[in-house]
Amino acid sequence: MEGTECQISASAGIAIYPHAGKNFETLYRNADTALYLAKDSGRGTYKIYDAYGGVMF
């Protein structure tokens, strides 16, 4: 592998307590939803779950 170049990127889904959920299951589900939307948007992106507006930014 010497001389081989490797590129790494990450996507993240974020759910903030208590706005995106008041228990683990809800926070996890909303963060997972945000993660899948981030992955669909391309590499190296993040989405934040907004329970009030029902939108991600």
N, C-alpha and C. Protein backbone atom coordinates (compact mmCIF):
# COMPACT_ATOMS: atom_id res chain seq x y z
N MET A 1 0.81 -1.19 0.00
CA MET A 1 0.00 0.00 0.00
C MET A 1 0.86 1.26 0.00
N GLU A 2 2.14 1.08 0.09
CA GLU A 2 3.02 2.24 0.11
C GLU A 2 2.86 3.02 -1.19
N GLY A 3 2.72 4.33 -1.04
CA GLY A 3 2.54 5.19 -2.20
C GLY A 3 1.09 5.33 -2.64
N THR A 4 0.19 4.63 -1.98
CA THR A 4 -1.23 4.71 -2.31
C THR A 4 -1.85 5.88 -1.58
N GLU A 5 -2.63 6.66 -2.30
CA GLU A 5 -3.32 7.80 -1.71
C GLU A 5 -4.72 7.39 -1.29
N CYS A 6 -5.14 7.84 -0.13
CA CYS A 6 -6.46 7.51 0.40
C CYS A 6 -7.16 8.80 0.79
N GLN A 7 -8.40 8.92 0.40
CA GLN A 7 -9.19 10.10 0.73
C GLN A 7 -10.37 9.69 1.60
N ILE A 8 -10.59 10.40 2.68
CA ILE A 8 -11.67 10.09 3.60
C ILE A 8 -12.59 11.30 3.73
N SER A 9 -13.89 11.03 3.75
CA SER A 9 -14.86 12.08 3.99
C SER A 9 -15.89 11.56 4.98
N ALA A 10 -16.65 12.47 5.56
CA ALA A 10 -17.66 12.08 6.54
C ALA A 10 -18.93 12.89 6.34
N SER A 11 -20.03 12.28 6.66
CA SER A 11 -21.32 12.96 6.70
C SER A 11 -21.87 12.79 8.11
N ALA A 12 -22.68 13.76 8.56
CA ALA A 12 -23.20 13.70 9.92
C ALA A 12 -24.67 14.10 9.95
N GLY A 13 -25.40 13.45 10.82
CA GLY A 13 -26.78 13.81 11.11
C GLY A 13 -26.86 14.25 12.56
N ILE A 14 -27.45 15.40 12.80
CA ILE A 14 -27.45 15.98 14.14
C ILE A 14 -28.88 16.19 14.62
N ALA A 15 -29.14 15.76 15.85
CA ALA A 15 -30.42 16.00 16.52
C ALA A 15 -30.08 16.54 17.91
N ILE A 16 -30.60 17.70 18.26
CA ILE A 16 -30.23 18.37 19.50
C ILE A 16 -31.35 18.26 20.53
N TYR A 17 -30.99 17.79 21.72
CA TYR A 17 -31.92 17.69 22.85
C TYR A 17 -32.21 19.06 23.41
N PRO A 18 -33.41 19.42 23.78
CA PRO A 18 -34.65 18.66 23.71
C PRO A 18 -35.48 18.97 22.46
N HIS A 19 -34.96 19.83 21.59
CA HIS A 19 -35.75 20.27 20.44
C HIS A 19 -36.08 19.15 19.47
N ALA A 20 -35.18 18.20 19.30
CA ALA A 20 -35.40 17.12 18.33
C ALA A 20 -35.89 15.84 18.99
N GLY A 21 -36.11 15.88 20.29
CA GLY A 21 -36.62 14.71 21.01
C GLY A 21 -36.21 14.75 22.46
N LYS A 22 -37.06 14.18 23.30
CA LYS A 22 -36.79 14.21 24.74
C LYS A 22 -36.37 12.85 25.28
N ASN A 23 -36.26 11.85 24.41
CA ASN A 23 -35.76 10.55 24.85
C ASN A 23 -34.80 10.01 23.80
N PHE A 24 -34.06 8.97 24.18
CA PHE A 24 -33.02 8.44 23.32
C PHE A 24 -33.57 7.97 21.97
N GLU A 25 -34.66 7.24 21.99
CA GLU A 25 -35.20 6.67 20.76
C GLU A 25 -35.56 7.75 19.74
N THR A 26 -36.21 8.81 20.21
CA THR A 26 -36.61 9.90 19.31
C THR A 26 -35.39 10.64 18.78
N LEU A 27 -34.44 10.94 19.66
CA LEU A 27 -33.22 11.63 19.22
C LEU A 27 -32.46 10.78 18.21
N TYR A 28 -32.34 9.50 18.47
CA TYR A 28 -31.63 8.60 17.57
C TYR A 28 -32.31 8.54 16.20
N ARG A 29 -33.62 8.39 16.21
CA ARG A 29 -34.38 8.32 14.95
C ARG A 29 -34.23 9.61 14.14
N ASN A 30 -34.31 10.75 14.80
CA ASN A 30 -34.19 12.03 14.10
C ASN A 30 -32.77 12.28 13.61
N ALA A 31 -31.77 11.89 14.38
CA ALA A 31 -30.38 12.01 13.92
C ALA A 31 -30.13 11.09 12.74
N ASP A 32 -30.71 9.90 12.76
CA ASP A 32 -30.57 8.95 11.66
C ASP A 32 -31.22 9.50 10.39
N THR A 33 -32.38 10.10 10.53
CA THR A 33 -33.05 10.73 9.39
C THR A 33 -32.18 11.83 8.81
N ALA A 34 -31.62 12.66 9.67
CA ALA A 34 -30.73 13.75 9.22
C ALA A 34 -29.49 13.18 8.53
N LEU A 35 -28.96 12.08 9.05
CA LEU A 35 -27.77 11.46 8.44
C LEU A 35 -28.06 10.99 7.03
N TYR A 36 -29.19 10.33 6.82
CA TYR A 36 -29.52 9.85 5.48
C TYR A 36 -29.73 11.00 4.50
N LEU A 37 -30.31 12.09 4.97
CA LEU A 37 -30.46 13.26 4.10
C LEU A 37 -29.11 13.88 3.79
N ALA A 38 -28.20 13.88 4.76
CA ALA A 38 -26.85 14.40 4.52
C ALA A 38 -26.13 13.55 3.48
N LYS A 39 -26.25 12.23 3.60
CA LYS A 39 -25.60 11.33 2.64
C LYS A 39 -26.17 11.53 1.24
N ASP A 40 -27.46 11.76 1.14
CA ASP A 40 -28.09 11.99 -0.16
C ASP A 40 -27.63 13.32 -0.78
N SER A 41 -27.20 14.26 0.06
CA SER A 41 -26.77 15.57 -0.43
C SER A 41 -25.34 15.57 -0.96
N GLY A 42 -24.60 14.53 -0.68
CA GLY A 42 -23.22 14.45 -1.15
C GLY A 42 -22.26 14.21 -0.02
N ARG A 43 -21.02 14.04 -0.39
CA ARG A 43 -19.98 13.73 0.60
C ARG A 43 -19.61 14.96 1.42
N GLY A 44 -19.21 14.68 2.65
CA GLY A 44 -18.69 15.74 3.51
C GLY A 44 -19.73 16.76 3.91
N THR A 45 -20.97 16.33 4.10
CA THR A 45 -22.04 17.27 4.46
C THR A 45 -22.63 16.90 5.82
N TYR A 46 -23.43 17.80 6.36
CA TYR A 46 -24.17 17.51 7.58
C TYR A 46 -25.56 18.10 7.47
N LYS A 47 -26.48 17.54 8.21
CA LYS A 47 -27.83 18.07 8.31
C LYS A 47 -28.22 18.09 9.78
N ILE A 48 -28.95 19.14 10.16
CA ILE A 48 -29.43 19.28 11.53
C ILE A 48 -30.94 19.13 11.51
N TYR A 49 -31.45 18.24 12.34
CA TYR A 49 -32.89 18.01 12.41
C TYR A 49 -33.55 19.16 13.16
N ASP A 50 -34.62 19.69 12.59
CA ASP A 50 -35.38 20.78 13.21
C ASP A 50 -36.81 20.31 13.40
N ALA A 51 -37.16 19.94 14.61
CA ALA A 51 -38.49 19.41 14.90
C ALA A 51 -39.59 20.46 14.71
N TYR A 52 -39.27 21.73 14.90
CA TYR A 52 -40.28 22.78 14.80
C TYR A 52 -40.69 23.05 13.37
N GLY A 53 -39.72 23.14 12.49
CA GLY A 53 -40.02 23.43 11.10
C GLY A 53 -40.13 22.20 10.23
N GLY A 54 -39.71 21.07 10.78
CA GLY A 54 -39.74 19.83 10.01
C GLY A 54 -38.76 19.86 8.83
N VAL A 55 -37.75 20.68 8.92
CA VAL A 55 -36.78 20.80 7.83
C VAL A 55 -35.38 20.55 8.35
N MET A 56 -34.49 20.30 7.44
CA MET A 56 -33.09 20.15 7.76
C MET A 56 -32.33 21.31 7.14
N PHE A 57 -31.27 21.75 7.78
CA PHE A 57 -30.40 22.73 7.14
C PHE A 57 -29.00 22.25 7.16
